[in-house]
Amino acid sequence: MRIKAFITHKDQEQFSDCQDRFRVNKDTKSIALADGMSQSIFQKIWAQLLVDTYTTIEQWEPTIDSVRELAPQWQERVKAIIPNLMPAAQRRSKNSLAKGMSAGSTFVGVRFNENKWEGWVLGDSCLIVIDKNNKIEKIETSQEGQFDSHPDYFDSNPIKEGKGQPKPINGTLLQGEKLLLVSDPFSDILYDRQCTEIIKDIVSELLTVKNHENFEAVVAKWRKQGMHNDDSTLVVVEYDETDDFHIDYEDSIDVFIEMEKQQESFSEPSSVPNGGNSDNENTSEPLDVIENDNEECKTLKDYLSEVADSFIDSLPTEIKKKKKKVLKAKFKDKLSKALDCYYKIEEK
């Protein structure tokens, strides 16, 4: 099998914000992709746990019951990072867990035995079979009809059922055919256009992607043509008459996140007075929690977001090109601190 795997974040965000996760494991000949849901908490941890479990434990199947058994691991991982968050985020996170709030994630995974494959799918993370003519032969999903904003998902709370039933899938990958594992932006656009005359060109453009720069260019182009702005993941599998996994290219979100941290540290060094949090700490997780906070908090967040956007837009073009991601990250840190102060005022 020849494999290429790519991932990127929403426009105007960073890899530290990305809620998609994927993993390719040569040893178990398995691939998995999960998309954490925005309207949940600590969804990146849940998505990572799902793909790691599927690709590590060869006999593990993501049924409702087996996924429920992963809940304690998710809770332990969440509790381990809470002390690293800012004080207000710590309080909100603990309160959210106490209230039973949880993470949600869609999922698709496959394992190979020679050129035969079997797997599972839940929600709008899909497996797509491409024929020899680069046309869509089949789209494997747990859902019927058009995708919407409420996909099926696994829930990290063991007393919740999530939504939908995971669907077992299987097939045989023949010479010249490909499998695509994709998160929802690609699922949507390929589903919508699968019966059009241009689908062969669309698929061919995806298959010609060779590296991360190519992938970013295609995603940017397709977003301008109507693909919704969301975290985007693509894994391409092609049968090469061998049983081994040959990885032609594979993105690493961990490497990308570390590069972002180094860039921020190099571009805008700052001191950390009184033992406070450094600017390099990942503050995106508190913002995930903020999405579920009260209306006053949302109003403050929206206001600060408008101010930040206006400020960034007023900067010279060259500065925006070089610093926009850094400025966005810095704004998130300032936002978290502002909300911390807001909660302290409210408590008084």
Protein backbone atom coordinates (compact mmCIF):
# COMPACT_ATOMS: atom_id res chain seq x y z
CA MET A 1 0.00 0.00 0.00
CA ARG A 2 1.23 3.46 -0.85
CA ILE A 3 -0.01 6.10 1.56
CA LYS A 4 -0.09 9.89 1.73
CA ALA A 5 -1.61 11.76 4.68
CA PHE A 6 -2.29 15.48 5.11
CA ILE A 7 -3.89 17.76 7.69
CA THR A 8 -4.53 21.47 8.12
CA HIS A 9 -6.52 23.84 10.31
CA LYS A 10 -9.27 26.36 9.69
CA ASP A 11 -8.33 29.60 7.95
CA GLN A 12 -7.26 32.26 10.47
CA GLU A 13 -6.46 29.61 13.09
CA GLN A 14 -3.44 27.49 13.99
CA PHE A 15 -2.55 23.82 14.22
CA SER A 16 -2.89 24.10 18.00
CA ASP A 17 -6.59 24.83 17.35
CA CYS A 18 -7.08 21.88 14.98
CA GLN A 19 -9.58 19.29 16.22
CA ASP A 20 -8.87 16.65 13.56
CA ARG A 21 -6.52 13.77 14.34
CA PHE A 22 -5.24 10.87 12.25
CA ARG A 23 -2.74 8.05 12.65
CA VAL A 24 -1.10 5.56 10.29
CA ASN A 25 0.45 2.46 11.88
CA LYS A 26 2.67 0.26 9.69
CA ASP A 27 2.88 -2.49 12.29
CA THR A 28 -0.86 -3.08 12.58
CA LYS A 29 -1.50 -2.04 8.97
CA SER A 30 -4.20 0.31 10.16
CA ILE A 31 -5.30 3.90 9.57
CA ALA A 32 -7.75 5.99 11.58
CA LEU A 33 -9.13 9.51 11.42
CA ALA A 34 -11.27 11.33 13.99
CA ASP A 35 -12.79 14.80 13.99
CA GLY A 36 -13.46 16.33 17.40
CA MET A 37 -16.71 18.28 17.57
CA SER A 38 -16.54 22.01 18.27
CA GLN A 39 -19.53 22.08 20.62
CA SER A 40 -17.84 19.85 23.17
CA ILE A 41 -14.85 20.09 25.52
CA PHE A 42 -11.32 18.70 25.18
CA GLN A 43 -12.32 17.10 21.91
CA LYS A 44 -8.74 16.92 20.61
CA ILE A 45 -7.82 14.54 23.42
CA TRP A 46 -10.83 12.37 22.61
CA ALA A 47 -10.10 12.29 18.88
CA GLN A 48 -6.46 11.37 19.55
CA LEU A 49 -7.48 8.62 21.97
CA LEU A 50 -9.82 7.08 19.40
CA VAL A 51 -7.28 6.96 16.57
CA ASP A 52 -4.47 5.74 18.86
CA THR A 53 -6.59 2.92 20.27
CA TYR A 54 -7.80 1.74 16.88
CA THR A 55 -4.37 1.73 15.25
CA THR A 56 -2.54 0.22 18.24
CA ILE A 57 -4.83 -2.62 19.37
CA GLU A 58 -5.36 -4.87 16.35
CA GLN A 59 -8.51 -6.60 17.59
CA TRP A 60 -10.20 -3.50 19.00
CA GLU A 61 -13.46 -2.52 17.32
CA PRO A 62 -15.07 0.89 17.96
CA THR A 63 -18.51 -0.21 19.09
CA ILE A 64 -20.62 1.83 21.49
CA ASP A 65 -19.62 -0.42 24.39
CA SER A 66 -15.89 -0.60 23.62
CA VAL A 67 -15.66 3.16 23.13
CA ARG A 68 -17.45 3.68 26.44
CA GLU A 69 -14.56 1.84 28.11
CA LEU A 70 -12.16 4.57 26.91
CA ALA A 71 -13.95 7.25 28.95
CA PRO A 72 -11.75 6.90 32.08
CA GLN A 73 -8.62 7.41 29.95
CA TRP A 74 -10.07 10.59 28.47
CA GLN A 75 -10.98 11.89 31.93
CA GLU A 76 -7.50 11.15 33.28
CA ARG A 77 -5.81 12.91 30.36
CA VAL A 78 -8.07 15.93 30.79
CA LYS A 79 -7.43 16.10 34.52
CA ALA A 80 -3.68 15.92 33.85
CA ILE A 81 -3.67 19.07 31.72
CA ILE A 82 -6.14 21.16 33.73
CA PRO A 83 -3.43 22.34 36.21
CA ASN A 84 -1.55 23.85 33.23
CA LEU A 85 -4.48 26.05 32.23
CA MET A 86 -5.11 29.58 33.40
CA PRO A 87 -7.05 29.91 36.69
CA ALA A 88 -10.40 30.81 35.13
CA ALA A 89 -10.07 28.02 32.59
CA GLN A 90 -9.22 25.59 35.37
CA ARG A 91 -12.42 26.50 37.22
CA ARG A 92 -14.55 26.24 34.10
CA SER A 93 -12.99 22.92 33.13
CA LYS A 94 -13.55 21.39 36.55
CA ASN A 95 -17.12 22.68 36.61
CA SER A 96 -17.74 21.33 33.12
CA LEU A 97 -16.50 17.88 34.08
CA ALA A 98 -18.57 17.95 37.27
CA LYS A 99 -21.66 18.74 35.18
CA GLY A 100 -20.97 15.76 32.93
CA MET A 101 -19.89 17.77 29.91
CA SER A 102 -17.83 15.72 27.50
CA ALA A 103 -16.15 15.44 24.11
CA GLY A 104 -17.66 14.25 20.86
CA SER A 105 -15.90 12.93 17.77
CA THR A 106 -16.70 11.38 14.41
CA PHE A 107 -14.53 8.46 13.28
CA VAL A 108 -13.35 6.36 10.36
CA GLY A 109 -10.78 3.58 10.51
CA VAL A 110 -9.55 0.71 8.32
CA ARG A 111 -7.19 -2.26 8.72
CA PHE A 112 -5.60 -4.20 5.87
CA ASN A 113 -4.91 -7.89 5.29
CA GLU A 114 -3.07 -7.91 1.97
CA ASN A 115 -5.41 -5.94 -0.30
CA LYS A 116 -8.55 -6.73 1.69
CA TRP A 117 -9.70 -4.11 4.15
CA GLU A 118 -12.27 -3.83 6.88
CA GLY A 119 -13.13 -1.00 9.22
CA TRP A 120 -15.69 1.20 10.92
CA VAL A 121 -17.22 4.59 10.26
CA LEU A 122 -19.34 6.98 12.33
CA GLY A 123 -20.53 10.42 11.27
CA ASP A 124 -19.25 12.59 8.45
CA SER A 125 -15.66 11.41 8.60
CA CYS A 126 -15.89 9.07 5.63
CA LEU A 127 -14.14 6.40 3.61
CA ILE A 128 -14.42 6.96 -0.13
CA VAL A 129 -13.64 4.29 -2.73
CA ILE A 130 -12.17 5.68 -5.98
CA ASP A 131 -12.27 3.51 -9.10
CA LYS A 132 -9.63 3.16 -11.83
CA ASN A 133 -11.08 6.15 -13.70
CA ASN A 134 -10.78 8.45 -10.67
CA LYS A 135 -14.52 8.47 -10.14
CA ILE A 136 -16.29 7.83 -6.85
CA GLU A 137 -17.45 4.23 -6.59
CA LYS A 138 -18.77 4.40 -3.04
CA ILE A 139 -18.91 6.71 -0.01
CA GLU A 140 -18.96 4.83 3.28
CA THR A 141 -20.73 6.72 6.07
CA SER A 142 -23.02 5.89 8.97
CA GLN A 143 -25.49 8.55 7.88
CA GLU A 144 -28.16 8.64 5.20
CA GLY A 145 -28.48 11.44 2.70
CA GLN A 146 -26.98 14.92 2.82
CA PHE A 147 -24.55 15.77 5.60
CA ASP A 148 -25.56 18.47 8.07
CA SER A 149 -24.14 20.22 11.12
CA HIS A 150 -25.23 17.44 13.50
CA PRO A 151 -23.26 14.32 12.53
CA ASP A 152 -23.18 10.98 14.31
CA TYR A 153 -20.44 10.84 16.95
CA PHE A 154 -18.83 8.97 19.83
CA ASP A 155 -19.22 10.60 23.25
CA SER A 156 -16.51 10.54 25.92
CA ASN A 157 -19.05 10.41 28.76
CA PRO A 158 -19.77 6.73 29.53
CA ILE A 159 -23.39 7.42 30.49
CA LYS A 160 -24.11 9.19 27.20
CA GLU A 161 -24.81 7.34 23.97
CA GLY A 162 -23.51 9.92 21.55
CA LYS A 163 -25.41 9.82 18.27
CA GLY A 164 -25.88 7.14 15.66
CA GLN A 165 -24.52 3.62 15.36
CA PRO A 166 -20.97 2.87 14.14
CA LYS A 167 -21.12 1.06 10.81
CA PRO A 168 -18.79 -1.85 9.94
CA ILE A 169 -17.36 -1.63 6.41
CA ASN A 170 -15.16 -3.86 4.25
CA GLY A 171 -13.88 -4.35 0.74
CA THR A 172 -10.99 -5.24 -1.54
CA LEU A 173 -8.62 -2.64 -2.96
CA LEU A 174 -7.74 -3.55 -6.56
CA GLN A 175 -4.95 -2.33 -8.78
CA GLY A 176 -5.58 1.27 -9.87
CA GLU A 177 -8.17 1.92 -7.15
CA LYS A 178 -7.72 4.20 -4.15
CA LEU A 179 -9.24 4.68 -0.73
CA LEU A 180 -9.69 8.17 0.72
CA LEU A 181 -10.16 8.71 4.45
CA VAL A 182 -11.46 12.26 4.85
CA SER A 183 -12.88 14.63 7.44
CA ASP A 184 -16.10 16.51 6.79
CA PRO A 185 -15.07 19.38 4.45
CA PHE A 186 -13.97 16.81 1.87
CA SER A 187 -16.89 14.51 2.69
CA ASP A 188 -19.33 17.33 1.95
CA ILE A 189 -17.83 18.50 -1.33
CA LEU A 190 -17.23 14.99 -2.71
CA TYR A 191 -20.71 13.84 -1.71
CA ASP A 192 -22.34 16.88 -3.30
CA ARG A 193 -20.44 16.53 -6.59
CA GLN A 194 -20.04 12.76 -6.92
CA CYS A 195 -22.51 12.52 -9.81
CA THR A 196 -21.35 15.62 -11.69
CA GLU A 197 -19.22 15.67 -14.82
CA ILE A 198 -16.36 17.40 -13.00
CA ILE A 199 -15.92 14.78 -10.25
CA LYS A 200 -13.05 13.10 -12.10
CA ASP A 201 -11.15 16.41 -12.20
CA ILE A 202 -11.88 17.06 -8.53
CA VAL A 203 -10.62 13.63 -7.47
CA SER A 204 -7.60 13.87 -9.76
CA GLU A 205 -6.62 17.16 -8.13
CA LEU A 206 -6.69 15.52 -4.71
CA LEU A 207 -4.65 12.55 -5.89
CA THR A 208 -1.89 14.74 -7.34
CA VAL A 209 -1.16 16.31 -3.92
CA LYS A 210 2.37 15.27 -2.95
CA ASN A 211 3.31 17.40 0.05
CA HIS A 212 1.90 19.78 2.64
CA GLU A 213 2.34 22.87 0.47
CA ASN A 214 0.33 21.24 -2.34
CA PHE A 215 -2.35 20.26 0.15
CA GLU A 216 -2.64 23.76 1.62
CA ALA A 217 -2.94 25.18 -1.89
CA VAL A 218 -5.76 22.81 -2.85
CA VAL A 219 -7.63 23.46 0.42
CA ALA A 220 -7.32 27.25 -0.04
CA LYS A 221 -8.55 26.97 -3.64
CA TRP A 222 -11.49 24.74 -2.75
CA ARG A 223 -12.53 27.00 0.12
CA LYS A 224 -12.80 29.85 -2.34
CA GLN A 225 -14.97 27.59 -4.49
CA GLY A 226 -17.38 26.79 -1.66
CA MET A 227 -15.80 24.13 0.57
CA HIS A 228 -16.57 25.14 4.14
CA ASN A 229 -13.79 26.52 6.30
CA ASP A 230 -13.02 23.74 8.76
CA ASP A 231 -10.15 21.54 9.85
CA SER A 232 -9.35 19.31 6.87
CA THR A 233 -7.71 15.88 6.78
CA LEU A 234 -7.01 13.60 3.82
CA VAL A 235 -5.41 10.14 3.75
CA VAL A 236 -4.89 8.49 0.36
CA VAL A 237 -4.30 4.72 0.11
CA GLU A 238 -3.31 3.05 -3.19
CA TYR A 239 -2.68 -0.65 -3.76
CA ASP A 240 0.85 -1.33 -5.05
CA GLU A 241 0.67 -5.15 -5.08
CA THR A 242 2.49 -5.39 -1.74
CA ASP A 243 1.22 -6.06 1.77
CA ASP A 244 3.46 -3.49 3.48
CA PHE A 245 2.66 0.13 4.19
CA HIS A 246 4.88 2.47 2.15
CA ILE A 247 4.35 6.05 3.34
CA ASP A 248 5.15 8.50 0.56
CA TYR A 249 4.25 11.51 2.70
CA GLU A 250 2.77 12.04 6.18
CA ASP A 251 2.02 15.29 8.01
CA SER A 252 2.62 15.47 11.75
CA ILE A 253 0.35 17.80 13.69
CA ASP A 254 2.63 17.54 16.73
CA VAL A 255 5.55 18.84 14.67
CA PHE A 256 3.42 21.66 13.27
CA ILE A 257 2.27 22.70 16.75
CA GLU A 258 5.85 22.71 18.04
CA MET A 259 6.93 24.84 15.08
CA GLU A 260 4.19 27.34 15.91
CA LYS A 261 5.39 27.56 19.50
CA GLN A 262 8.97 28.15 18.39
CA GLN A 263 7.86 30.80 15.90
CA GLU A 264 5.87 32.64 18.55
CA SER A 265 8.74 32.45 21.01
CA PHE A 266 11.22 33.71 18.43
CA SER A 267 8.98 36.44 17.02
CA GLU A 268 7.69 37.93 20.27
CA PRO A 269 9.74 36.90 23.32
CA SER A 270 8.24 37.88 26.63
CA SER A 271 8.92 37.45 30.31
CA VAL A 272 6.59 35.54 32.60
CA PRO A 273 6.22 37.54 35.81
CA ASN A 274 5.07 36.10 39.15
CA GLY A 275 5.11 32.52 37.90
CA GLY A 276 2.30 33.19 35.40
CA ASN A 277 1.60 31.19 32.27
CA SER A 278 4.04 31.60 29.40
CA ASP A 279 2.89 32.77 25.98
CA ASN A 280 3.91 29.41 24.57
CA GLU A 281 1.32 27.47 26.50
CA ASN A 282 -1.54 26.11 24.46
CA THR A 283 -4.53 28.24 25.46
CA SER A 284 -6.89 26.88 22.81
CA GLU A 285 -8.45 24.34 25.13
CA PRO A 286 -9.88 26.98 27.49
CA LEU A 287 -11.53 28.56 24.46
CA ASP A 288 -13.17 25.22 23.71
CA VAL A 289 -14.70 25.40 27.16
CA ILE A 290 -15.67 29.05 26.68
CA GLU A 291 -17.89 28.03 23.75
CA ASN A 292 -20.23 26.48 26.32
CA ASP A 293 -20.13 29.34 28.83
CA ASN A 294 -22.80 31.88 29.72
CA GLU A 295 -24.14 34.60 27.43
CA GLU A 296 -22.21 37.41 29.15
CA CYS A 297 -18.99 35.54 28.51
CA LYS A 298 -19.89 35.03 24.85
CA THR A 299 -20.67 38.72 24.48
CA LEU A 300 -17.29 39.68 25.89
CA LYS A 301 -15.56 37.19 23.64
CA ASP A 302 -17.35 38.51 20.53
CA TYR A 303 -16.49 42.10 21.41
CA LEU A 304 -12.81 41.35 21.96
CA SER A 305 -12.74 39.33 18.75
CA GLU A 306 -14.09 42.29 16.77
CA VAL A 307 -11.51 44.61 18.32
CA ALA A 308 -8.68 42.20 17.52
CA ASP A 309 -9.84 41.69 13.92
CA SER A 310 -10.08 45.44 13.39
CA PHE A 311 -6.60 45.93 14.78
CA ILE A 312 -5.08 43.18 12.62
CA ASP A 313 -6.85 44.46 9.49
CA SER A 314 -5.42 47.93 10.08
CA LEU A 315 -1.83 46.68 9.99
CA PRO A 316 0.33 47.02 6.86
CA THR A 317 -0.07 44.12 4.45
CA GLU A 318 3.49 42.85 4.82
CA ILE A 319 3.17 42.65 8.60
CA LYS A 320 -0.13 40.81 8.31
CA LYS A 321 1.37 38.25 5.96
CA LYS A 322 4.26 37.49 8.28
CA LYS A 323 2.60 37.88 11.66
CA LYS A 324 -1.08 37.09 11.27
CA LYS A 325 -0.93 33.65 12.86
CA VAL A 326 1.24 34.95 15.69
CA LEU A 327 -1.12 37.87 16.28
CA LYS A 328 -4.09 35.52 16.37
CA ALA A 329 -2.38 33.31 18.94
CA LYS A 330 -1.44 36.32 21.05
CA PHE A 331 -5.02 37.53 20.93
CA LYS A 332 -6.24 34.17 22.25
CA ASP A 333 -3.86 34.47 25.17
CA LYS A 334 -5.05 38.01 25.91
CA LEU A 335 -8.65 36.88 25.59
CA SER A 336 -8.14 34.10 28.10
CA LYS A 337 -6.54 36.54 30.53
CA ALA A 338 -9.35 39.03 30.00
CA LEU A 339 -11.92 36.37 30.75
CA ASP A 340 -9.96 35.42 33.85
CA CYS A 341 -10.29 39.00 35.09
CA TYR A 342 -13.95 39.01 34.11
CA TYR A 343 -14.70 35.96 36.25
CA LYS A 344 -12.83 37.43 39.21
CA ILE A 345 -14.99 40.56 38.97
CA GLU A 346 -18.14 38.43 38.71
CA GLU A 347 -17.14 36.41 41.78
CA LYS A 348 -16.78 39.61 43.83
